[in-house]
Amino acid sequence: MLKLVLQSITHMALLSTTIVFLLSDLELMAYH
């Protein structure tokens, strides 16, 4: 059970990090 919770937390963290990187990339592309 605990392992499943940790896996979902890690997955959500990776997902949010990826979204942040995509958004910053889009902002950089928009500025240039």
PDB file of N, CA and C in Angstrom:
ATOM      1  N   MET A   1       0.833  -1.207   0.000  1.00  0.00           N
ATOM      2  CA  MET A   1       0.000   0.000   0.000  1.00  0.00           C
ATOM      3  C   MET A   1       0.869   1.258   0.000  1.00  0.00           C
ATOM      4  N   LEU A   2       1.845   1.289   0.922  1.00  0.00           N
ATOM      5  CA  LEU A   2       2.718   2.464   1.016  1.00  0.00           C
ATOM      6  C   LEU A   2       3.511   2.660  -0.277  1.00  0.00           C
ATOM      7  N   LYS A   3       3.941   1.543  -0.856  1.00  0.00           N
ATOM      8  CA  LYS A   3       4.712   1.621  -2.099  1.00  0.00           C
ATOM      9  C   LYS A   3       3.869   2.253  -3.205  1.00  0.00           C
ATOM     10  N   LEU A   4       2.583   1.901  -3.240  1.00  0.00           N
ATOM     11  CA  LEU A   4       1.695   2.447  -4.266  1.00  0.00           C
ATOM     12  C   LEU A   4       1.538   3.956  -4.095  1.00  0.00           C
ATOM     13  N   VAL A   5       1.405   4.377  -2.839  1.00  0.00           N
ATOM     14  CA  VAL A   5       1.267   5.815  -2.564  1.00  0.00           C
ATOM     15  C   VAL A   5       2.530   6.560  -2.987  1.00  0.00           C
ATOM     16  N   LEU A   6       3.691   6.004  -2.640  1.00  0.00           N
ATOM     17  CA  LEU A   6       4.956   6.637  -3.018  1.00  0.00           C
ATOM     18  C   LEU A   6       5.098   6.711  -4.530  1.00  0.00           C
ATOM     19  N   GLN A   7       4.672   5.641  -5.217  1.00  0.00           N
ATOM     20  CA  GLN A   7       4.752   5.637  -6.676  1.00  0.00           C
ATOM     21  C   GLN A   7       3.884   6.735  -7.273  1.00  0.00           C
ATOM     22  N   SER A   8       2.666   6.898  -6.754  1.00  0.00           N
ATOM     23  CA  SER A   8       1.770   7.922  -7.293  1.00  0.00           C
ATOM     24  C   SER A   8       2.300   9.319  -7.013  1.00  0.00           C
ATOM     25  N   ILE A   9       2.898   9.505  -5.817  1.00  0.00           N
ATOM     26  CA  ILE A   9       3.480  10.814  -5.490  1.00  0.00           C
ATOM     27  C   ILE A   9       4.631  11.128  -6.435  1.00  0.00           C
ATOM     28  N   THR A  10       5.484  10.134  -6.671  1.00  0.00           N
ATOM     29  CA  THR A  10       6.616  10.337  -7.579  1.00  0.00           C
ATOM     30  C   THR A  10       6.118  10.644  -8.982  1.00  0.00           C
ATOM     31  N   HIS A  11       5.075   9.916  -9.415  1.00  0.00           N
ATOM     32  CA  HIS A  11       4.518  10.120 -10.747  1.00  0.00           C
ATOM     33  C   HIS A  11       3.963  11.538 -10.891  1.00  0.00           C
ATOM     34  N   MET A  12       3.238  11.997  -9.886  1.00  0.00           N
ATOM     35  CA  MET A  12       2.674  13.344  -9.931  1.00  0.00           C
ATOM     36  C   MET A  12       3.779  14.398  -9.929  1.00  0.00           C
ATOM     37  N   ALA A  13       4.843  14.154  -9.161  1.00  0.00           N
ATOM     38  CA  ALA A  13       5.956  15.102  -9.111  1.00  0.00           C
ATOM     39  C   ALA A  13       6.630  15.201 -10.479  1.00  0.00           C
ATOM     40  N   LEU A  14       6.859  14.048 -11.105  1.00  0.00           N
ATOM     41  CA  LEU A  14       7.469  14.049 -12.432  1.00  0.00           C
ATOM     42  C   LEU A  14       6.569  14.757 -13.435  1.00  0.00           C
ATOM     43  N   LEU A  15       5.263  14.498 -13.336  1.00  0.00           N
ATOM     44  CA  LEU A  15       4.304  15.100 -14.259  1.00  0.00           C
ATOM     45  C   LEU A  15       4.310  16.619 -14.121  1.00  0.00           C
ATOM     46  N   SER A  16       4.259  17.110 -12.889  1.00  0.00           N
ATOM     47  CA  SER A  16       4.237  18.562 -12.679  1.00  0.00           C
ATOM     48  C   SER A  16       5.553  19.195 -13.120  1.00  0.00           C
ATOM     49  N   THR A  17       6.673  18.504 -12.883  1.00  0.00           N
ATOM     50  CA  THR A  17       7.969  19.030 -13.322  1.00  0.00           C
ATOM     51  C   THR A  17       8.013  19.143 -14.837  1.00  0.00           C
ATOM     52  N   THR A  18       7.495  18.100 -15.526  1.00  0.00           N
ATOM     53  CA  THR A  18       7.458  18.118 -16.984  1.00  0.00           C
ATOM     54  C   THR A  18       6.601  19.269 -17.487  1.00  0.00           C
ATOM     55  N   ILE A  19       5.455  19.496 -16.843  1.00  0.00           N
ATOM     56  CA  ILE A  19       4.566  20.586 -17.259  1.00  0.00           C
ATOM     57  C   ILE A  19       5.253  21.937 -17.080  1.00  0.00           C
ATOM     58  N   VAL A  20       5.966  22.095 -15.955  1.00  0.00           N
ATOM     59  CA  VAL A  20       6.682  23.357 -15.708  1.00  0.00           C
ATOM     60  C   VAL A  20       7.738  23.589 -16.778  1.00  0.00           C
ATOM     61  N   PHE A  21       8.476  22.536 -17.127  1.00  0.00           N
ATOM     62  CA  PHE A  21       9.506  22.672 -18.162  1.00  0.00           C
ATOM     63  C   PHE A  21       8.874  23.034 -19.506  1.00  0.00           C
ATOM     64  N   LEU A  22       7.756  22.399 -19.841  1.00  0.00           N
ATOM     65  CA  LEU A  22       7.076  22.697 -21.101  1.00  0.00           C
ATOM     66  C   LEU A  22       6.601  24.143 -21.124  1.00  0.00           C
ATOM     67  N   LEU A  23       6.033  24.600 -20.020  1.00  0.00           N
ATOM     68  CA  LEU A  23       5.532  25.974 -19.959  1.00  0.00           C
ATOM     69  C   LEU A  23       6.671  26.972 -20.097  1.00  0.00           C
ATOM     70  N   SER A  24       7.798  26.728 -19.422  1.00  0.00           N
ATOM     71  CA  SER A  24       8.927  27.657 -19.520  1.00  0.00           C
ATOM     72  C   SER A  24       9.496  27.633 -20.932  1.00  0.00           C
ATOM     73  N   ASP A  25       9.510  26.464 -21.573  1.00  0.00           N
ATOM     74  CA  ASP A  25       9.973  26.383 -22.956  1.00  0.00           C
ATOM     75  C   ASP A  25       9.065  27.201 -23.867  1.00  0.00           C
ATOM     76  N   LEU A  26       7.758  27.099 -23.653  1.00  0.00           N
ATOM     77  CA  LEU A  26       6.813  27.856 -24.470  1.00  0.00           C
ATOM     78  C   LEU A  26       7.011  29.349 -24.270  1.00  0.00           C
ATOM     79  N   GLU A  27       7.248  29.771 -23.043  1.00  0.00           N
ATOM     80  CA  GLU A  27       7.464  31.191 -22.772  1.00  0.00           C
ATOM     81  C   GLU A  27       8.729  31.688 -23.467  1.00  0.00           C
ATOM     82  N   LEU A  28       9.799  30.884 -23.402  1.00  0.00           N
ATOM     83  CA  LEU A  28      11.046  31.271 -24.065  1.00  0.00           C
ATOM     84  C   LEU A  28      10.842  31.382 -25.575  1.00  0.00           C
ATOM     85  N   MET A  29      10.112  30.425 -26.148  1.00  0.00           N
ATOM     86  CA  MET A  29       9.866  30.449 -27.586  1.00  0.00           C
ATOM     87  C   MET A  29       9.003  31.646 -27.962  1.00  0.00           C
ATOM     88  N   ALA A  30       8.078  32.017 -27.090  1.00  0.00           N
ATOM     89  CA  ALA A  30       7.200  33.157 -27.377  1.00  0.00           C
ATOM     90  C   ALA A  30       7.996  34.464 -27.341  1.00  0.00           C
ATOM     91  N   TYR A  31       8.969  34.535 -26.430  1.00  0.00           N
ATOM     92  CA  TYR A  31       9.746  35.773 -26.314  1.00  0.00           C
ATOM     93  C   TYR A  31      10.739  35.936 -27.456  1.00  0.00           C
ATOM     94  N   HIS A  32      11.234  34.820 -27.990  1.00  0.00           N
ATOM     95  CA  HIS A  32      12.252  34.929 -29.052  1.00  0.00           C
ATOM     96  C   HIS A  32      11.624  34.888 -30.428  1.00  0.00           C
TER      97      HIS A  32
END
